[in-house]
PDB file of N, CA and C in Angstrom:
ATOM      1  N   UNK A   1      68.075 236.211 190.776  1.00  0.00           N
ATOM      2  CA  UNK A   1      68.085 234.765 190.754  1.00  0.00           C
ATOM      3  C   UNK A   1      67.948 234.297 189.299  1.00  0.00           C
ATOM      4  N   UNK A   2      68.909 233.475 188.827  1.00  0.00           N
ATOM      5  CA  UNK A   2      68.809 232.990 187.452  1.00  0.00           C
ATOM      6  C   UNK A   2      67.902 231.761 187.368  1.00  0.00           C
ATOM      7  N   UNK A   3      67.596 231.357 186.152  1.00  0.00           N
ATOM      8  CA  UNK A   3      66.642 230.269 185.915  1.00  0.00           C
ATOM      9  C   UNK A   3      67.050 228.967 186.602  1.00  0.00           C
ATOM     10  N   UNK A   4      68.346 228.633 186.592  1.00  0.00           N
ATOM     11  CA  UNK A   4      68.776 227.367 187.190  1.00  0.00           C
ATOM     12  C   UNK A   4      68.542 227.339 188.696  1.00  0.00           C
ATOM     13  N   UNK A   5      68.540 228.498 189.352  1.00  0.00           N
ATOM     14  CA  UNK A   5      68.273 228.543 190.788  1.00  0.00           C
ATOM     15  C   UNK A   5      66.800 228.317 191.096  1.00  0.00           C
ATOM     16  N   UNK A   6      65.911 228.534 190.127  1.00  0.00           N
ATOM     17  CA  UNK A   6      64.477 228.341 190.325  1.00  0.00           C
ATOM     18  C   UNK A   6      64.046 226.907 190.031  1.00  0.00           C
ATOM     19  N   UNK A   7      64.918 226.129 189.373  1.00  0.00           N
ATOM     20  CA  UNK A   7      64.576 224.755 189.014  1.00  0.00           C
ATOM     21  C   UNK A   7      64.506 223.880 190.258  1.00  0.00           C
ATOM     22  N   UNK A   8      63.697 222.838 190.179  1.00  0.00           N
ATOM     23  CA  UNK A   8      63.563 221.895 191.286  1.00  0.00           C
ATOM     24  C   UNK A   8      64.247 220.582 190.907  1.00  0.00           C
ATOM     25  N   UNK A   9      64.735 219.858 191.904  1.00  0.00           N
ATOM     26  CA  UNK A   9      65.423 218.603 191.629  1.00  0.00           C
ATOM     27  C   UNK A   9      64.466 217.539 191.115  1.00  0.00           C
ATOM     28  N   UNK A  10      64.986 216.700 190.253  1.00  0.00           N
ATOM     29  CA  UNK A  10      64.250 215.559 189.721  1.00  0.00           C
ATOM     30  C   UNK A  10      64.160 214.476 190.800  1.00  0.00           C
ATOM     31  N   UNK A  11      63.015 213.827 190.900  1.00  0.00           N
ATOM     32  CA  UNK A  11      62.871 212.647 191.752  1.00  0.00           C
ATOM     33  C   UNK A  11      62.453 211.471 190.879  1.00  0.00           C
ATOM     34  N   UNK A  12      62.881 210.280 191.271  1.00  0.00           N
ATOM     35  CA  UNK A  12      62.528 209.070 190.531  1.00  0.00           C
ATOM     36  C   UNK A  12      62.617 207.875 191.465  1.00  0.00           C
ATOM     37  N   UNK A  13      62.124 206.719 191.026  1.00  0.00           N
ATOM     38  CA  UNK A  13      62.122 205.517 191.854  1.00  0.00           C
ATOM     39  C   UNK A  13      62.952 204.411 191.220  1.00  0.00           C
ATOM     40  N   UNK A  14      63.371 203.464 192.080  1.00  0.00           N
ATOM     41  CA  UNK A  14      63.994 202.253 191.567  1.00  0.00           C
ATOM     42  C   UNK A  14      62.910 201.179 191.439  1.00  0.00           C
ATOM     43  N   UNK A  15      63.298 199.970 191.062  1.00  0.00           N
ATOM     44  CA  UNK A  15      62.321 198.900 190.838  1.00  0.00           C
ATOM     45  C   UNK A  15      61.592 198.488 192.108  1.00  0.00           C
ATOM     46  N   UNK A  16      62.174 198.776 193.287  1.00  0.00           N
ATOM     47  CA  UNK A  16      61.525 198.444 194.557  1.00  0.00           C
ATOM     48  C   UNK A  16      60.604 199.560 195.051  1.00  0.00           C
ATOM     49  N   UNK A  17      60.530 200.653 194.319  1.00  0.00           N
ATOM     50  CA  UNK A  17      59.666 201.757 194.704  1.00  0.00           C
ATOM     51  C   UNK A  17      60.317 202.778 195.623  1.00  0.00           C
ATOM     52  N   UNK A  18      61.633 202.656 195.866  1.00  0.00           N
ATOM     53  CA  UNK A  18      62.345 203.637 196.687  1.00  0.00           C
ATOM     54  C   UNK A  18      62.469 204.945 195.912  1.00  0.00           C
ATOM     55  N   UNK A  19      62.166 206.045 196.566  1.00  0.00           N
ATOM     56  CA  UNK A  19      62.178 207.361 195.935  1.00  0.00           C
ATOM     57  C   UNK A  19      63.540 208.024 196.129  1.00  0.00           C
ATOM     58  N   UNK A  20      64.083 208.599 195.052  1.00  0.00           N
ATOM     59  CA  UNK A  20      65.377 209.269 195.091  1.00  0.00           C
ATOM     60  C   UNK A  20      65.247 210.699 194.591  1.00  0.00           C
ATOM     61  N   UNK A  21      66.012 211.580 195.204  1.00  0.00           N
ATOM     62  CA  UNK A  21      66.158 212.969 194.782  1.00  0.00           C
ATOM     63  C   UNK A  21      67.456 212.999 193.990  1.00  0.00           C
ATOM     64  N   UNK A  22      67.388 213.225 192.682  1.00  0.00           N
ATOM     65  CA  UNK A  22      68.600 213.158 191.866  1.00  0.00           C
ATOM     66  C   UNK A  22      69.555 214.280 192.260  1.00  0.00           C
ATOM     67  N   UNK A  23      70.839 213.965 192.470  1.00  0.00           N
ATOM     68  CA  UNK A  23      71.784 214.968 192.966  1.00  0.00           C
ATOM     69  C   UNK A  23      72.166 216.063 191.974  1.00  0.00           C
ATOM     70  N   UNK A  24      71.943 215.850 190.668  1.00  0.00           N
ATOM     71  CA  UNK A  24      72.390 216.877 189.724  1.00  0.00           C
ATOM     72  C   UNK A  24      71.376 217.256 188.651  1.00  0.00           C
ATOM     73  N   UNK A  25      70.318 216.472 188.460  1.00  0.00           N
ATOM     74  CA  UNK A  25      69.349 216.792 187.414  1.00  0.00           C
ATOM     75  C   UNK A  25      68.126 217.503 187.977  1.00  0.00           C
ATOM     76  N   UNK A  26      67.595 218.429 187.198  1.00  0.00           N
ATOM     77  CA  UNK A  26      66.362 219.129 187.561  1.00  0.00           C
ATOM     78  C   UNK A  26      65.166 218.364 186.993  1.00  0.00           C
ATOM     79  N   UNK A  27      64.004 218.586 187.582  1.00  0.00           N
ATOM     80  CA  UNK A  27      62.767 217.987 187.075  1.00  0.00           C
ATOM     81  C   UNK A  27      62.414 218.629 185.740  1.00  0.00           C
ATOM     82  N   UNK A  28      61.769 217.860 184.886  1.00  0.00           N
ATOM     83  CA  UNK A  28      61.299 218.432 183.624  1.00  0.00           C
ATOM     84  C   UNK A  28      59.897 217.915 183.337  1.00  0.00           C
ATOM     85  N   UNK A  29      59.211 218.623 182.503  1.00  0.00           N
ATOM     86  CA  UNK A  29      57.875 218.247 182.064  1.00  0.00           C
ATOM     87  C   UNK A  29      57.847 218.235 180.549  1.00  0.00           C
ATOM     88  N   UNK A  30      56.708 217.892 180.024  1.00  0.00           N
ATOM     89  CA  UNK A  30      56.593 217.815 178.572  1.00  0.00           C
ATOM     90  C   UNK A  30      55.427 218.671 178.107  1.00  0.00           C
ATOM     91  N   UNK A  31      55.656 219.415 177.047  1.00  0.00           N
ATOM     92  CA  UNK A  31      54.619 220.209 176.397  1.00  0.00           C
ATOM     93  C   UNK A  31      54.666 219.840 174.921  1.00  0.00           C
ATOM     94  N   UNK A  32      53.658 219.093 174.463  1.00  0.00           N
ATOM     95  CA  UNK A  32      53.687 218.596 173.092  1.00  0.00           C
ATOM     96  C   UNK A  32      54.850 217.647 172.928  1.00  0.00           C
ATOM     97  N   UNK A  33      55.720 217.921 171.974  1.00  0.00           N
ATOM     98  CA  UNK A  33      56.877 217.050 171.761  1.00  0.00           C
ATOM     99  C   UNK A  33      58.155 217.605 172.388  1.00  0.00           C
ATOM    100  N   UNK A  34      58.036 218.640 173.223  1.00  0.00           N
ATOM    101  CA  UNK A  34      59.201 219.259 173.855  1.00  0.00           C
ATOM    102  C   UNK A  34      59.272 218.934 175.337  1.00  0.00           C
ATOM    103  N   UNK A  35      60.482 218.607 175.813  1.00  0.00           N
ATOM    104  CA  UNK A  35      60.753 218.497 177.240  1.00  0.00           C
ATOM    105  C   UNK A  35      61.292 219.845 177.688  1.00  0.00           C
ATOM    106  N   UNK A  36      60.805 220.343 178.832  1.00  0.00           N
ATOM    107  CA  UNK A  36      61.223 221.643 179.359  1.00  0.00           C
ATOM    108  C   UNK A  36      61.493 221.521 180.853  1.00  0.00           C
ATOM    109  N   UNK A  37      62.473 222.258 181.386  1.00  0.00           N
ATOM    110  CA  UNK A  37      62.724 222.207 182.825  1.00  0.00           C
ATOM    111  C   UNK A  37      61.561 222.823 183.595  1.00  0.00           C
ATOM    112  N   UNK A  38      61.274 222.254 184.768  1.00  0.00           N
ATOM    113  CA  UNK A  38      60.229 222.803 185.636  1.00  0.00           C
ATOM    114  C   UNK A  38      60.852 223.750 186.648  1.00  0.00           C
ATOM    115  N   UNK A  39      60.168 224.835 186.922  1.00  0.00           N
ATOM    116  CA  UNK A  39      60.596 225.785 187.944  1.00  0.00           C
ATOM    117  C   UNK A  39      59.647 225.685 189.131  1.00  0.00           C
ATOM    118  N   UNK A  40      60.119 226.106 190.285  1.00  0.00           N
ATOM    119  CA  UNK A  40      59.318 226.008 191.505  1.00  0.00           C
ATOM    120  C   UNK A  40      57.982 226.734 191.391  1.00  0.00           C
ATOM    121  N   UNK A  41      57.908 227.786 190.585  1.00  0.00           N
ATOM    122  CA  UNK A  41      56.653 228.535 190.431  1.00  0.00           C
ATOM    123  C   UNK A  41      55.607 227.763 189.614  1.00  0.00           C
ATOM    124  N   UNK A  42      56.012 226.670 188.963  1.00  0.00           N
ATOM    125  CA  UNK A  42      55.102 225.910 188.106  1.00  0.00           C
ATOM    126  C   UNK A  42      54.517 224.674 188.783  1.00  0.00           C
ATOM    127  N   UNK A  43      54.859 224.435 190.023  1.00  0.00           N
ATOM    128  CA  UNK A  43      54.380 223.244 190.725  1.00  0.00           C
ATOM    129  C   UNK A  43      53.724 223.649 192.042  1.00  0.00           C
ATOM    130  N   UNK A  44      52.960 222.734 192.603  1.00  0.00           N
ATOM    131  CA  UNK A  44      52.315 222.969 193.895  1.00  0.00           C
ATOM    132  C   UNK A  44      52.766 221.878 194.862  1.00  0.00           C
ATOM    133  N   UNK A  45      52.645 222.110 196.171  1.00  0.00           N
ATOM    134  CA  UNK A  45      52.943 221.041 197.123  1.00  0.00           C
ATOM    135  C   UNK A  45      52.003 219.859 196.874  1.00  0.00           C
ATOM    136  N   UNK A  46      52.504 218.658 197.100  1.00  0.00           N
ATOM    137  CA  UNK A  46      51.684 217.463 196.935  1.00  0.00           C
ATOM    138  C   UNK A  46      50.518 217.535 197.919  1.00  0.00           C
ATOM    139  N   UNK A  47      49.282 217.519 197.424  1.00  0.00           N
ATOM    140  CA  UNK A  47      48.131 217.629 198.329  1.00  0.00           C
ATOM    141  C   UNK A  47      48.054 216.460 199.313  1.00  0.00           C
ATOM    142  N   UNK A  48      47.543 216.726 200.498  1.00  0.00           N
ATOM    143  CA  UNK A  48      47.369 215.689 201.509  1.00  0.00           C
ATOM    144  C   UNK A  48      46.537 214.547 200.932  1.00  0.00           C
ATOM    145  N   UNK A  49      46.956 213.328 201.204  1.00  0.00           N
ATOM    146  CA  UNK A  49      46.239 212.150 200.716  1.00  0.00           C
ATOM    147  C   UNK A  49      46.670 211.698 199.330  1.00  0.00           C
ATOM    148  N   UNK A  50      47.574 212.454 198.690  1.00  0.00           N
ATOM    149  CA  UNK A  50      48.056 212.074 197.356  1.00  0.00           C
ATOM    150  C   UNK A  50      48.996 210.881 197.448  1.00  0.00           C
ATOM    151  N   UNK A  51      49.148 210.191 196.349  1.00  0.00           N
ATOM    152  CA  UNK A  51      50.073 209.062 196.257  1.00  0.00           C
ATOM    153  C   UNK A  51      51.029 209.286 195.096  1.00  0.00           C
ATOM    154  N   UNK A  52      52.251 208.836 195.276  1.00  0.00           N
ATOM    155  CA  UNK A  52      53.215 208.819 194.177  1.00  0.00           C
ATOM    156  C   UNK A  52      53.192 207.414 193.592  1.00  0.00           C
ATOM    157  N   UNK A  53      53.240 207.307 192.292  1.00  0.00           N
ATOM    158  CA  UNK A  53      53.235 205.991 191.650  1.00  0.00           C
ATOM    159  C   UNK A  53      54.452 205.861 190.746  1.00  0.00           C
ATOM    160  N   UNK A  54      54.899 204.643 190.598  1.00  0.00           N
ATOM    161  CA  UNK A  54      56.021 204.341 189.718  1.00  0.00           C
ATOM    162  C   UNK A  54      55.477 203.805 188.402  1.00  0.00           C
ATOM    163  N   UNK A  55      56.107 204.164 187.308  1.00  0.00           N
ATOM    164  CA  UNK A  55      55.722 203.658 185.993  1.00  0.00           C
ATOM    165  C   UNK A  55      56.799 202.676 185.547  1.00  0.00           C
ATOM    166  N   UNK A  56      56.557 201.369 185.728  1.00  0.00           N
ATOM    167  CA  UNK A  56      57.577 200.367 185.400  1.00  0.00           C
ATOM    168  C   UNK A  56      57.961 200.398 183.924  1.00  0.00           C
ATOM    169  N   UNK A  57      59.193 199.979 183.682  1.00  0.00           N
ATOM    170  CA  UNK A  57      59.720 199.857 182.324  1.00  0.00           C
ATOM    171  C   UNK A  57      59.706 201.178 181.555  1.00  0.00           C
ATOM    172  N   UNK A  58      59.868 202.274 182.278  1.00  0.00           N
ATOM    173  CA  UNK A  58      59.972 203.595 181.664  1.00  0.00           C
ATOM    174  C   UNK A  58      61.348 204.162 181.990  1.00  0.00           C
ATOM    175  N   UNK A  59      61.795 205.112 181.221  1.00  0.00           N
ATOM    176  CA  UNK A  59      63.065 205.785 181.477  1.00  0.00           C
ATOM    177  C   UNK A  59      62.752 207.181 182.004  1.00  0.00           C
ATOM    178  N   UNK A  60      63.389 207.542 183.117  1.00  0.00           N
ATOM    179  CA  UNK A  60      63.162 208.855 183.716  1.00  0.00           C
ATOM    180  C   UNK A  60      63.882 209.936 182.916  1.00  0.00           C
ATOM    181  N   UNK A  61      63.213 211.065 182.720  1.00  0.00           N
ATOM    182  CA  UNK A  61      63.801 212.208 182.015  1.00  0.00           C
ATOM    183  C   UNK A  61      64.084 213.310 183.025  1.00  0.00           C
ATOM    184  N   UNK A  62      65.261 213.903 182.934  1.00  0.00           N
ATOM    185  CA  UNK A  62      65.645 215.015 183.794  1.00  0.00           C
ATOM    186  C   UNK A  62      66.326 216.093 182.974  1.00  0.00           C
ATOM    187  N   UNK A  63      66.577 217.227 183.600  1.00  0.00           N
ATOM    188  CA  UNK A  63      67.157 218.363 182.892  1.00  0.00           C
ATOM    189  C   UNK A  63      68.509 218.711 183.500  1.00  0.00           C
ATOM    190  N   UNK A  64      69.561 218.541 182.708  1.00  0.00           N
ATOM    191  CA  UNK A  64      70.896 218.951 183.119  1.00  0.00           C
ATOM    192  C   UNK A  64      70.962 220.469 182.969  1.00  0.00           C
ATOM    193  N   UNK A  65      71.332 221.158 184.022  1.00  0.00           N
ATOM    194  CA  UNK A  65      71.299 222.621 184.025  1.00  0.00           C
ATOM    195  C   UNK A  65      72.245 223.250 182.999  1.00  0.00           C
ATOM    196  N   UNK A  66      73.229 222.503 182.523  1.00  0.00           N
ATOM    197  CA  UNK A  66      74.162 223.031 181.518  1.00  0.00           C
ATOM    198  C   UNK A  66      73.950 222.443 180.128  1.00  0.00           C
ATOM    199  N   UNK A  67      73.478 221.175 180.065  1.00  0.00           N
ATOM    200  CA  UNK A  67      73.416 220.501 178.764  1.00  0.00           C
ATOM    201  C   UNK A  67      72.016 220.168 178.279  1.00  0.00           C
ATOM    202  N   UNK A  68      70.996 220.427 179.089  1.00  0.00           N
ATOM    203  CA  UNK A  68      69.633 220.158 178.645  1.00  0.00           C
ATOM    204  C   UNK A  68      69.138 218.765 179.005  1.00  0.00           C
ATOM    205  N   UNK A  69      68.274 218.211 178.180  1.00  0.00           N
ATOM    206  CA  UNK A  69      67.573 216.957 178.450  1.00  0.00           C
ATOM    207  C   UNK A  69      68.523 215.779 178.591  1.00  0.00           C
ATOM    208  N   UNK A  70      68.297 214.960 179.638  1.00  0.00           N
ATOM    209  CA  UNK A  70      69.050 213.732 179.872  1.00  0.00           C
ATOM    210  C   UNK A  70      68.077 212.662 180.340  1.00  0.00           C
ATOM    211  N   UNK A  71      68.424 211.401 180.075  1.00  0.00           N
ATOM    212  CA  UNK A  71      67.612 210.272 180.518  1.00  0.00           C
ATOM    213  C   UNK A  71      68.398 209.464 181.533  1.00  0.00           C
ATOM    214  N   UNK A  72      67.710 208.968 182.574  1.00  0.00           N
ATOM    215  CA  UNK A  72      68.355 208.245 183.664  1.00  0.00           C
ATOM    216  C   UNK A  72      67.998 206.774 183.574  1.00  0.00           C
ATOM    217  N   UNK A  73      69.016 205.922 183.568  1.00  0.00           N
ATOM    218  CA  UNK A  73      68.842 204.474 183.555  1.00  0.00           C
ATOM    219  C   UNK A  73      68.143 204.041 184.846  1.00  0.00           C
ATOM    220  N   UNK A  74      67.377 202.966 184.787  1.00  0.00           N
ATOM    221  CA  UNK A  74      66.685 202.476 185.979  1.00  0.00           C
ATOM    222  C   UNK A  74      67.642 201.856 186.988  1.00  0.00           C
ATOM    223  N   UNK A  75      68.830 201.456 186.554  1.00  0.00           N
ATOM    224  CA  UNK A  75      69.797 200.859 187.473  1.00  0.00           C
ATOM    225  C   UNK A  75      70.300 201.938 188.424  1.00  0.00           C
ATOM    226  N   UNK A  76      69.969 201.806 189.691  1.00  0.00           N
ATOM    227  CA  UNK A  76      70.334 202.813 190.685  1.00  0.00           C
ATOM    228  C   UNK A  76      71.613 202.384 191.389  1.00  0.00           C
ATOM    229  N   UNK A  77      72.540 203.287 191.523  1.00  0.00           N
ATOM    230  CA  UNK A  77      73.798 202.989 192.197  1.00  0.00           C
ATOM    231  C   UNK A  77      73.643 203.190 193.694  1.00  0.00           C
ATOM    232  N   UNK A  78      74.673 202.807 194.439  1.00  0.00           N
ATOM    233  CA  UNK A  78      74.638 202.985 195.892  1.00  0.00           C
ATOM    234  C   UNK A  78      74.585 204.455 196.287  1.00  0.00           C
ATOM    235  N   UNK A  79      74.923 205.369 195.396  1.00  0.00           N
ATOM    236  CA  UNK A  79      74.843 206.805 195.680  1.00  0.00           C
ATOM    237  C   UNK A  79      73.454 207.356 195.406  1.00  0.00           C
ATOM    238  N   UNK A  80      72.565 206.529 194.864  1.00  0.00           N
ATOM    239  CA  UNK A  80      71.201 206.986 194.640  1.00  0.00           C
ATOM    240  C   UNK A  80      70.955 207.634 193.300  1.00  0.00           C
ATOM    241  N   UNK A  81      71.839 207.440 192.330  1.00  0.00           N
ATOM    242  CA  UNK A  81      71.536 207.966 191.006  1.00  0.00           C
ATOM    243  C   UNK A  81      71.934 206.948 189.950  1.00  0.00           C
ATOM    244  N   UNK A  82      71.143 206.886 188.912  1.00  0.00           N
ATOM    245  CA  UNK A  82      71.417 205.947 187.834  1.00  0.00           C
ATOM    246  C   UNK A  82      72.355 206.546 186.807  1.00  0.00           C
ATOM    247  N   UNK A  83      72.696 205.717 185.828  1.00  0.00           N
ATOM    248  CA  UNK A  83      73.525 206.212 184.730  1.00  0.00           C
ATOM    249  C   UNK A  83      72.729 207.236 183.937  1.00  0.00           C
ATOM    250  N   UNK A  84      73.384 208.279 183.495  1.00  0.00           N
ATOM    251  CA  UNK A  84      72.717 209.356 182.759  1.00  0.00           C
ATOM    252  C   UNK A  84      73.155 209.313 181.304  1.00  0.00           C
ATOM    253  N   UNK A  85      72.182 209.389 180.389  1.00  0.00           N
ATOM    254  CA  UNK A  85      72.439 209.327 178.956  1.00  0.00           C
ATOM    255  C   UNK A  85      72.002 210.622 178.281  1.00  0.00           C
ATOM    256  N   UNK A  86      72.700 210.986 177.171  1.00  0.00           N
ATOM    257  CA  UNK A  86      72.276 212.175 176.421  1.00  0.00           C
ATOM    258  C   UNK A  86      70.957 211.950 175.716  1.00  0.00           C
TER     259      UNK A  86
END
């Protein structure tokens, strides 16, 4: 299994708080000043009683499996994904 198969999909919200599973970007995290893709072995299931929160006026960061770091516009299309920027 290669690294891209271990990556998990990015999730993000729109302004109404609707949660989306991005169809092509992987989740990423930050270590210092570097963004890095997250793998399934680095996360845990959301504990019972946990809440997801939206951070307004922020840009979502995701990991393109071929091109690296990408940012997703908050404008969500009818397909459930926003515009993606380098």
